[in-house]
C-alpha atoms as a PDB file:
ATOM      1  CA  MET A   1     -93.454-108.004  60.326  1.00  0.00           C
ATOM      2  CA  ILE A   2     -94.119-105.301  57.855  1.00  0.00           C
ATOM      3  CA  GLU A   3     -96.821-105.472  55.367  1.00  0.00           C
ATOM      4  CA  ALA A   4     -97.059-104.063  52.511  1.00  0.00           C
ATOM      5  CA  PHE A   5     -99.427-103.492  49.433  1.00  0.00           C
ATOM      6  CA  VAL A   6     -97.841-103.079  46.502  1.00  0.00           C
ATOM      7  CA  LEU A   7     -99.883-102.035  43.260  1.00  0.00           C
ATOM      8  CA  VAL A   8     -98.485-102.274  39.784  1.00  0.00           C
ATOM      9  CA  VAL A   9     -98.897-101.279  36.241  1.00  0.00           C
ATOM     10  CA  VAL A  10     -97.544-103.264  33.287  1.00  0.00           C
ATOM     11  CA  LYS A  11     -96.917-102.319  29.914  1.00  0.00           C
ATOM     12  CA  PRO A  12     -99.644-103.768  27.985  1.00  0.00           C
ATOM     13  CA  GLY A  13     -99.726-107.273  27.370  1.00  0.00           C
ATOM     14  CA  ASN A  14     -97.436-108.126  29.859  1.00  0.00           C
ATOM     15  CA  GLU A  15    -100.331-108.720  32.776  1.00  0.00           C
ATOM     16  CA  GLU A  16    -100.182-112.532  32.631  1.00  0.00           C
ATOM     17  CA  LYS A  17     -96.146-112.791  32.488  1.00  0.00           C
ATOM     18  CA  VAL A  18     -95.847-110.417  35.235  1.00  0.00           C
ATOM     19  CA  TYR A  19     -98.720-111.693  37.657  1.00  0.00           C
ATOM     20  CA  GLU A  20     -96.320-115.604  37.649  1.00  0.00           C
ATOM     21  CA  MET A  21     -93.403-114.033  38.233  1.00  0.00           C
ATOM     22  CA  LEU A  22     -94.096-111.887  41.306  1.00  0.00           C
ATOM     23  CA  ARG A  23     -96.515-114.782  42.489  1.00  0.00           C
ATOM     24  CA  LYS A  24     -93.633-117.051  43.120  1.00  0.00           C
ATOM     25  CA  ASP A  25     -91.981-115.026  45.181  1.00  0.00           C
ATOM     26  CA  PRO A  26     -92.667-115.885  49.454  1.00  0.00           C
ATOM     27  CA  ARG A  27     -93.102-112.625  50.375  1.00  0.00           C
ATOM     28  CA  VAL A  28     -95.522-112.341  48.531  1.00  0.00           C
ATOM     29  CA  LYS A  29     -98.508-113.419  50.484  1.00  0.00           C
ATOM     30  CA  GLU A  30    -101.215-112.287  48.655  1.00  0.00           C
ATOM     31  CA  ASP A  31    -101.563-111.282  44.562  1.00  0.00           C
ATOM     32  CA  TYR A  32    -104.610-110.402  42.378  1.00  0.00           C
ATOM     33  CA  ARG A  33    -104.872-109.393  38.879  1.00  0.00           C
ATOM     34  CA  VAL A  34    -107.213-106.357  39.011  1.00  0.00           C
ATOM     35  CA  TYR A  35    -109.197-103.908  36.638  1.00  0.00           C
ATOM     36  CA  GLY A  36    -108.553 -99.921  36.632  1.00  0.00           C
ATOM     37  CA  GLU A  37    -105.543 -97.804  37.388  1.00  0.00           C
ATOM     38  CA  TYR A  38    -103.293-100.776  38.184  1.00  0.00           C
ATOM     39  CA  ASP A  39    -103.385-104.472  36.629  1.00  0.00           C
ATOM     40  CA  ILE A  40    -101.634-106.779  39.745  1.00  0.00           C
ATOM     41  CA  ILE A  41    -101.865-105.525  43.452  1.00  0.00           C
ATOM     42  CA  LEU A  42     -99.566-107.621  45.839  1.00  0.00           C
ATOM     43  CA  ARG A  43     -99.804-107.974  49.591  1.00  0.00           C
ATOM     44  CA  VAL A  44     -96.339-108.637  50.999  1.00  0.00           C
ATOM     45  CA  GLU A  45     -95.004-109.804  54.123  1.00  0.00           C
ATOM     46  CA  VAL A  46     -91.125-108.754  55.005  1.00  0.00           C
ATOM     47  CA  PRO A  47     -89.585-109.076  58.669  1.00  0.00           C
ATOM     48  CA  THR A  48     -88.251-105.377  57.997  1.00  0.00           C
ATOM     49  CA  ILE A  49     -88.061-102.199  55.675  1.00  0.00           C
ATOM     50  CA  ASP A  50     -84.320-103.011  54.009  1.00  0.00           C
ATOM     51  CA  GLU A  51     -86.542-106.158  53.120  1.00  0.00           C
ATOM     52  CA  LEU A  52     -88.194-104.347  51.650  1.00  0.00           C
ATOM     53  CA  ASP A  53     -86.062-102.013  50.189  1.00  0.00           C
ATOM     54  CA  LYS A  54     -84.587-105.529  48.227  1.00  0.00           C
ATOM     55  CA  PHE A  55     -87.947-107.007  46.966  1.00  0.00           C
ATOM     56  CA  HIS A  56     -88.069-103.728  45.179  1.00  0.00           C
ATOM     57  CA  ASP A  57     -84.698-103.607  44.385  1.00  0.00           C
ATOM     58  CA  GLU A  58     -84.029-107.139  43.661  1.00  0.00           C
ATOM     59  CA  VAL A  59     -87.335-108.168  42.202  1.00  0.00           C
ATOM     60  CA  LEU A  60     -90.258-105.313  41.413  1.00  0.00           C
ATOM     61  CA  ARG A  61     -87.179-103.114  39.715  1.00  0.00           C
ATOM     62  CA  ARG A  62     -85.597-106.139  37.905  1.00  0.00           C
ATOM     63  CA  ILE A  63     -88.761-106.692  35.947  1.00  0.00           C
ATOM     64  CA  PRO A  64     -88.251-104.515  32.605  1.00  0.00           C
ATOM     65  CA  GLU A  65     -92.392-104.885  31.845  1.00  0.00           C
ATOM     66  CA  ILE A  66     -93.284-102.748  34.802  1.00  0.00           C
ATOM     67  CA  GLU A  67     -94.073 -99.458  34.205  1.00  0.00           C
ATOM     68  CA  MET A  68     -94.446 -97.999  37.711  1.00  0.00           C
ATOM     69  CA  THR A  69     -95.681 -99.249  41.343  1.00  0.00           C
ATOM     70  CA  GLU A  70     -96.620 -97.932  44.452  1.00  0.00           C
ATOM     71  CA  THR A  71     -96.249 -98.824  47.888  1.00  0.00           C
ATOM     72  CA  LEU A  72     -98.279 -98.794  50.479  1.00  0.00           C
ATOM     73  CA  ILE A  73     -96.932 -99.608  54.211  1.00  0.00           C
ATOM     74  CA  ALA A  74     -99.902-100.707  56.328  1.00  0.00           C
ATOM     75  CA  SER A  75    -100.025 -99.152  59.644  1.00  0.00           C
ATOM     76  CA  THR A  76    -102.963-101.153  61.609  1.00  0.00           C
ATOM     77  CA  TYR A  77    -105.130-104.760  60.575  1.00  0.00           C
ATOM     78  CA  ARG A  78    -108.571-104.709  62.703  1.00  0.00           C
ATOM     79  CA  GLY A  79    -109.204-108.379  60.971  1.00  0.00           C
END
């Protein structure tokens, strides 16, 4: 399983709309509206890197209110 954190910048005034759209996707395991440089942080779980590509191409890039994303793929978890 691949775990990634996606940092999302949204066009001003569209934060709640984008947040509600993204949180419905079953690959999104955690979602936060945050203050600062980014507007939303997602924790995404997918079985393969191809599935992460699909999430980017079929979900994130199709939401015109998203200005930018940065994806961090987790390498280790010490829970």
